[in-house]
Amino acid sequence: MVTIDASSLDDMAYNFHYHGDSTIGLEDLEKRGWATKEHIFAIMQQVGNYIAMWEDTLEDMENLRIQLKEKEMRE
């Protein structure tokens, strides 16, 4: 089983997609020793988990926004 260091994955995604305006290439994965099918699958799985985490967080914030609005209306 292949594991990907979460902070390294965050760093790569941030540098290529948030801070920069480029795409991740095979050579970028090779530099990190991640240029295998197993590593790519592990990255995809971890990214899917991140997306689910952020979707849950977004839903939590929406619920809290509604609660705050209701609280303000009661006061």
Protein backbone atom coordinates (compact mmCIF):
# COMPACT_ATOMS: atom_id res chain seq x y z
CA MET A 1 0.00 0.00 0.00
CA VAL A 2 1.26 3.43 -0.94
CA THR A 3 0.87 6.43 1.33
CA ILE A 4 1.19 10.07 0.43
CA ASP A 5 2.38 12.62 2.96
CA ALA A 6 -0.57 14.97 3.39
CA SER A 7 1.55 18.10 3.82
CA SER A 8 3.52 17.29 0.66
CA LEU A 9 0.28 16.80 -1.27
CA ASP A 10 -1.11 20.06 0.09
CA ASP A 11 2.12 21.83 -0.85
CA MET A 12 2.04 20.47 -4.38
CA ALA A 13 -1.62 21.35 -4.92
CA TYR A 14 -1.14 24.82 -3.46
CA ASN A 15 1.93 25.57 -5.57
CA PHE A 16 0.39 24.37 -8.83
CA HIS A 17 -3.27 25.31 -8.51
CA TYR A 18 -3.82 27.91 -5.81
CA HIS A 19 -0.65 29.97 -5.92
CA GLY A 20 0.35 29.16 -9.48
CA ASP A 21 -1.62 28.75 -12.66
CA SER A 22 -0.34 25.46 -13.99
CA THR A 23 -1.03 21.76 -14.02
CA ILE A 24 0.80 18.93 -12.34
CA GLY A 25 2.77 16.84 -14.79
CA LEU A 26 4.32 13.40 -14.67
CA GLU A 27 7.75 14.96 -14.22
CA ASP A 28 6.48 16.71 -11.08
CA LEU A 29 5.37 13.39 -9.65
CA GLU A 30 8.70 11.83 -10.62
CA LYS A 31 10.54 14.50 -8.60
CA ARG A 32 8.57 13.36 -5.55
CA GLY A 33 8.88 9.65 -6.28
CA TRP A 34 5.12 9.47 -6.94
CA ALA A 35 5.11 8.53 -10.65
CA THR A 36 3.41 5.15 -10.27
CA LYS A 37 -0.16 3.98 -10.75
CA GLU A 38 -0.32 3.18 -7.04
CA HIS A 39 0.80 6.67 -6.04
CA ILE A 40 -1.62 8.32 -8.45
CA PHE A 41 -4.48 6.20 -7.09
CA ALA A 42 -3.46 7.11 -3.52
CA ILE A 43 -3.38 10.82 -4.46
CA MET A 44 -6.81 10.57 -6.08
CA GLN A 45 -8.20 8.82 -3.02
CA GLN A 46 -6.74 11.41 -0.65
CA VAL A 47 -8.03 14.30 -2.78
CA GLY A 48 -11.49 12.69 -2.74
CA ASN A 49 -11.28 12.55 1.05
CA TYR A 50 -10.25 16.22 1.15
CA ILE A 51 -13.17 17.20 -1.07
CA ALA A 52 -15.59 15.35 1.22
CA MET A 53 -14.02 17.04 4.26
CA TRP A 54 -14.37 20.52 2.73
CA GLU A 55 -17.92 19.82 1.54
CA ASP A 56 -18.83 18.80 5.08
CA THR A 57 -17.14 21.93 6.43
CA LEU A 58 -19.00 24.10 3.93
CA GLU A 59 -22.29 22.49 4.98
CA ASP A 60 -21.42 23.10 8.65
CA MET A 61 -20.74 26.77 7.92
CA GLU A 62 -24.01 27.14 6.03
CA ASN A 63 -25.89 25.63 8.98
CA LEU A 64 -24.06 27.90 11.40
CA ARG A 65 -24.85 30.93 9.23
CA ILE A 66 -28.53 30.02 9.37
CA GLN A 67 -28.36 29.48 13.14
CA LEU A 68 -26.69 32.85 13.60
CA LYS A 69 -29.30 34.57 11.45
CA GLU A 70 -32.08 32.93 13.48
CA LYS A 71 -30.41 33.95 16.71
CA GLU A 72 -30.08 37.55 15.55
CA MET A 73 -33.76 37.62 14.57
CA ARG A 74 -34.79 36.40 18.04
CA GLU A 75 -32.80 39.12 19.78
